Protein backbone atom coordinates (compact mmCIF):
# COMPACT_ATOMS: atom_id res chain seq x y z
CA MET A 1 117.79 108.97 107.14
CA ASN A 2 117.79 106.05 104.72
CA LYS A 3 115.12 104.90 102.28
CA LEU A 4 113.57 102.41 104.67
CA ASP A 5 113.27 105.04 107.41
CA ILE A 6 111.56 107.39 104.97
CA ALA A 7 109.23 104.64 103.79
CA ASP A 8 108.36 103.78 107.40
CA GLU A 9 107.59 107.44 108.15
CA LEU A 10 105.37 107.66 105.08
CA THR A 11 103.57 104.48 106.09
CA THR A 12 102.97 105.89 109.57
CA TYR A 13 101.49 109.08 108.14
CA THR A 14 99.41 107.04 105.69
CA ASN A 15 97.96 104.95 108.49
CA GLN A 16 97.18 108.03 110.57
CA LEU A 17 95.47 109.70 107.60
CA ASN A 18 93.44 106.55 106.95
CA ASN A 19 92.38 106.44 110.60
CA ILE A 20 91.31 110.08 110.47
CA THR A 21 89.26 109.61 107.30
CA GLU A 22 87.55 106.53 108.72
CA LEU A 23 86.70 108.43 111.90
CA MET A 24 85.37 111.37 109.86
CA LEU A 25 83.25 109.04 107.74
CA THR A 26 81.88 107.23 110.80
CA ASN A 27 80.98 110.50 112.49
CA LEU A 28 79.46 111.87 109.31
CA ASN A 29 77.30 108.78 108.83
CA ASN A 30 76.09 109.05 112.44
CA SER A 31 75.40 112.78 112.29
CA ASP A 32 72.10 114.58 111.79
CA ILE A 33 73.38 116.77 108.96
CA SER A 34 70.75 116.96 106.27
CA LYS A 35 71.70 116.64 102.62
CA SER A 36 73.25 119.97 101.73
CA LYS A 37 76.26 121.57 100.11
CA GLU A 38 78.13 121.31 103.42
CA LEU A 39 77.59 117.56 103.48
CA ASP A 40 78.89 117.28 99.90
CA ARG A 41 82.00 119.26 100.89
CA LEU A 42 82.66 116.93 103.82
CA TYR A 43 82.41 113.86 101.59
CA PHE A 44 84.75 115.55 99.11
CA LEU A 45 87.31 116.20 101.86
CA ILE A 46 87.10 112.60 103.07
CA ASN A 47 87.64 111.29 99.54
CA TYR A 48 90.48 113.72 98.97
CA ALA A 49 92.20 112.60 102.18
CA LYS A 50 91.85 108.98 101.07
CA GLN A 51 93.45 109.84 97.71
CA ILE A 52 96.38 111.49 99.50
CA SER A 53 96.72 108.47 101.76
CA ASN A 54 96.79 106.12 98.77
CA GLY A 55 99.37 108.30 97.07
CA LEU A 56 101.59 108.26 100.15
CA TYR A 57 101.24 104.49 100.42
CA ASN A 58 102.18 103.98 96.77
CA PHE A 59 105.13 106.37 97.10
CA SER A 60 106.33 104.49 100.18
CA ASN A 61 106.20 101.23 98.24
CA GLU A 62 108.14 102.74 95.35
CA ILE A 63 110.89 103.91 97.72
CA THR A 64 111.37 100.44 99.16
CA LYS A 65 111.52 98.83 95.67
CA GLU A 66 114.57 100.86 94.62
């Protein structure tokens, strides 16, 4: 597997992770969960997934620059 194949795979996973976090956020915003610790944990997980996605995206870009 060459660098471009790896970068493409990372981009695919990044896009999938972004789609999942957007779906989670949409569902969370439409839910009837009251403000609680559980709600805070869900927002934390969504933000964490977005950070991972951004990291994967940046890593993919670095691979293709070399």
